[in-house]
Amino acid sequence: MTLNKQVLKDKEGNGLGVFLPMDEYEKIIEQLEELEDIKSYDEAIKSQEETVPLREAIKERKQQDG
């Protein structure tokens, strides 16, 4: 992905921040969220905890809530 960024600098030329067009920012956020999901999935696989299908979990939750 090529970014159309503008680096914001202080008087001494030190970087303060970056300005991005909204569409590029939104793409970056989507990609970060996807990477977080992948990381969570990988961690869940490593933990080898018992999994419960979503429908069954919802059913159990409804029974608990009465």
N, C-alpha and C. Protein backbone atom coordinates (compact mmCIF):
# COMPACT_ATOMS: atom_id res chain seq x y z
N MET A 1 0.85 -1.18 0.00
CA MET A 1 0.00 0.00 0.00
C MET A 1 0.89 1.24 0.00
N THR A 2 0.64 2.12 -0.91
CA THR A 2 1.36 3.38 -0.97
C THR A 2 0.56 4.42 -0.20
N LEU A 3 1.22 5.10 0.74
CA LEU A 3 0.54 6.09 1.56
C LEU A 3 0.84 7.50 1.04
N ASN A 4 -0.19 8.31 1.01
CA ASN A 4 -0.05 9.72 0.67
C ASN A 4 -0.01 10.50 1.97
N LYS A 5 1.10 10.37 2.68
CA LYS A 5 1.21 10.96 4.01
C LYS A 5 1.93 12.31 3.96
N GLN A 6 1.63 13.12 4.95
CA GLN A 6 2.35 14.37 5.17
C GLN A 6 2.87 14.32 6.59
N VAL A 7 4.17 14.48 6.75
CA VAL A 7 4.77 14.44 8.08
C VAL A 7 4.74 15.85 8.66
N LEU A 8 4.21 15.97 9.85
CA LEU A 8 4.15 17.26 10.55
C LEU A 8 5.40 17.38 11.42
N LYS A 9 6.11 18.50 11.31
CA LYS A 9 7.37 18.69 12.03
C LYS A 9 7.34 19.98 12.83
N ASP A 10 8.17 20.00 13.89
CA ASP A 10 8.31 21.23 14.68
C ASP A 10 9.36 22.13 14.03
N LYS A 11 9.69 23.23 14.69
CA LYS A 11 10.63 24.20 14.13
C LYS A 11 12.02 23.62 13.91
N GLU A 12 12.37 22.62 14.72
CA GLU A 12 13.69 22.00 14.60
C GLU A 12 13.71 20.86 13.58
N GLY A 13 12.58 20.55 13.00
CA GLY A 13 12.52 19.48 12.01
C GLY A 13 12.22 18.11 12.59
N ASN A 14 11.89 18.05 13.89
CA ASN A 14 11.54 16.78 14.52
C ASN A 14 10.12 16.39 14.14
N GLY A 15 9.94 15.12 13.82
CA GLY A 15 8.61 14.64 13.47
C GLY A 15 7.66 14.71 14.65
N LEU A 16 6.46 15.28 14.41
CA LEU A 16 5.43 15.39 15.45
C LEU A 16 4.27 14.44 15.20
N GLY A 17 4.01 14.20 13.95
CA GLY A 17 2.86 13.38 13.60
C GLY A 17 2.76 13.21 12.10
N VAL A 18 1.69 12.52 11.70
CA VAL A 18 1.47 12.24 10.29
C VAL A 18 0.03 12.56 9.94
N PHE A 19 -0.16 13.18 8.82
CA PHE A 19 -1.49 13.46 8.29
C PHE A 19 -1.76 12.50 7.15
N LEU A 20 -2.90 11.79 7.22
CA LEU A 20 -3.30 10.85 6.17
C LEU A 20 -4.71 11.19 5.69
N PRO A 21 -4.99 10.97 4.42
CA PRO A 21 -6.36 11.08 3.96
C PRO A 21 -7.23 10.04 4.69
N MET A 22 -8.49 10.36 4.92
CA MET A 22 -9.39 9.48 5.69
C MET A 22 -9.49 8.08 5.10
N ASP A 23 -9.58 7.96 3.78
CA ASP A 23 -9.72 6.62 3.19
C ASP A 23 -8.50 5.75 3.47
N GLU A 24 -7.32 6.34 3.47
CA GLU A 24 -6.11 5.58 3.78
C GLU A 24 -6.08 5.20 5.26
N TYR A 25 -6.46 6.13 6.11
CA TYR A 25 -6.53 5.85 7.55
C TYR A 25 -7.49 4.70 7.81
N GLU A 26 -8.66 4.72 7.19
CA GLU A 26 -9.65 3.66 7.39
C GLU A 26 -9.14 2.31 6.91
N LYS A 27 -8.40 2.28 5.80
CA LYS A 27 -7.81 1.03 5.31
C LYS A 27 -6.79 0.48 6.31
N ILE A 28 -5.99 1.36 6.88
CA ILE A 28 -5.00 0.94 7.87
C ILE A 28 -5.69 0.36 9.10
N ILE A 29 -6.74 1.02 9.57
CA ILE A 29 -7.48 0.53 10.73
C ILE A 29 -8.09 -0.84 10.44
N GLU A 30 -8.68 -1.01 9.26
CA GLU A 30 -9.25 -2.31 8.88
C GLU A 30 -8.18 -3.39 8.89
N GLN A 31 -7.02 -3.08 8.36
CA GLN A 31 -5.93 -4.06 8.32
C GLN A 31 -5.45 -4.40 9.73
N LEU A 32 -5.36 -3.41 10.60
CA LEU A 32 -4.94 -3.66 11.98
C LEU A 32 -5.96 -4.54 12.70
N GLU A 33 -7.24 -4.28 12.48
CA GLU A 33 -8.28 -5.10 13.10
C GLU A 33 -8.20 -6.54 12.61
N GLU A 34 -7.94 -6.71 11.33
CA GLU A 34 -7.81 -8.06 10.78
C GLU A 34 -6.60 -8.77 11.40
N LEU A 35 -5.50 -8.06 11.54
CA LEU A 35 -4.31 -8.65 12.16
C LEU A 35 -4.57 -9.02 13.62
N GLU A 36 -5.33 -8.19 14.34
CA GLU A 36 -5.69 -8.51 15.73
C GLU A 36 -6.54 -9.78 15.78
N ASP A 37 -7.46 -9.92 14.84
CA ASP A 37 -8.29 -11.13 14.78
C ASP A 37 -7.42 -12.36 14.52
N ILE A 38 -6.48 -12.24 13.61
CA ILE A 38 -5.59 -13.36 13.30
C ILE A 38 -4.75 -13.72 14.53
N LYS A 39 -4.25 -12.71 15.22
CA LYS A 39 -3.46 -12.95 16.43
C LYS A 39 -4.30 -13.64 17.49
N SER A 40 -5.52 -13.19 17.68
CA SER A 40 -6.41 -13.81 18.67
C SER A 40 -6.70 -15.26 18.30
N TYR A 41 -6.92 -15.51 17.03
CA TYR A 41 -7.18 -16.87 16.55
C TYR A 41 -5.96 -17.76 16.83
N ASP A 42 -4.78 -17.26 16.48
CA ASP A 42 -3.56 -18.03 16.71
C ASP A 42 -3.37 -18.34 18.19
N GLU A 43 -3.64 -17.36 19.05
CA GLU A 43 -3.51 -17.57 20.49
C GLU A 43 -4.53 -18.60 20.99
N ALA A 44 -5.73 -18.56 20.46
CA ALA A 44 -6.76 -19.52 20.86
C ALA A 44 -6.37 -20.93 20.45
N ILE A 45 -5.80 -21.08 19.27
CA ILE A 45 -5.36 -22.39 18.81
C ILE A 45 -4.24 -22.92 19.71
N LYS A 46 -3.31 -22.05 20.08
CA LYS A 46 -2.19 -22.46 20.94
C LYS A 46 -2.67 -22.87 22.32
N SER A 47 -3.71 -22.21 22.83
CA SER A 47 -4.16 -22.47 24.20
C SER A 47 -4.84 -23.83 24.31
N GLN A 48 -5.36 -24.34 23.23
CA GLN A 48 -6.04 -25.64 23.16
C GLN A 48 -7.18 -25.74 24.18
N GLU A 49 -7.81 -24.60 24.48
CA GLU A 49 -8.97 -24.62 25.36
C GLU A 49 -10.16 -25.22 24.63
N GLU A 50 -11.09 -25.75 25.40
CA GLU A 50 -12.31 -26.30 24.82
C GLU A 50 -13.10 -25.17 24.17
N THR A 51 -13.58 -25.42 22.97
CA THR A 51 -14.40 -24.42 22.28
C THR A 51 -15.85 -24.86 22.27
N VAL A 52 -16.72 -23.87 22.18
CA VAL A 52 -18.16 -24.13 22.15
C VAL A 52 -18.71 -23.42 20.92
N PRO A 53 -19.50 -24.12 20.10
CA PRO A 53 -20.10 -23.44 18.95
C PRO A 53 -20.95 -22.24 19.41
N LEU A 54 -20.96 -21.20 18.61
CA LEU A 54 -21.65 -19.96 18.96
C LEU A 54 -23.12 -20.20 19.30
N ARG A 55 -23.81 -20.96 18.51
CA ARG A 55 -25.24 -21.20 18.76
C ARG A 55 -25.46 -21.88 20.11
N GLU A 56 -24.57 -22.81 20.44
CA GLU A 56 -24.69 -23.50 21.73
C GLU A 56 -24.39 -22.53 22.88
N ALA A 57 -23.41 -21.68 22.70
CA ALA A 57 -23.08 -20.70 23.73
C ALA A 57 -24.24 -19.73 23.96
N ILE A 58 -24.88 -19.30 22.90
CA ILE A 58 -26.03 -18.40 23.02
C ILE A 58 -27.17 -19.10 23.75
N LYS A 59 -27.41 -20.34 23.38
CA LYS A 59 -28.47 -21.12 24.02
C LYS A 59 -28.19 -21.27 25.52
N GLU A 60 -26.96 -21.60 25.88
CA GLU A 60 -26.59 -21.75 27.29
C GLU A 60 -26.75 -20.42 28.03
N ARG A 61 -26.35 -19.34 27.39
CA ARG A 61 -26.44 -18.01 28.01
C ARG A 61 -27.90 -17.64 28.28
N LYS A 62 -28.78 -17.93 27.33
CA LYS A 62 -30.20 -17.63 27.50
C LYS A 62 -30.77 -18.45 28.65
N GLN A 63 -30.36 -19.69 28.78
CA GLN A 63 -30.84 -20.55 29.87
C GLN A 63 -30.35 -20.02 31.22
N GLN A 64 -29.14 -19.51 31.29
CA GLN A 64 -28.58 -18.96 32.52
C GLN A 64 -29.31 -17.69 32.93
N ASP A 65 -29.65 -16.87 31.94
CA ASP A 65 -30.31 -15.60 32.23
C ASP A 65 -31.79 -15.78 32.58
N GLY A 66 -32.30 -16.97 32.33
CA GLY A 66 -33.68 -17.28 32.70
C GLY A 66 -34.66 -16.80 31.74
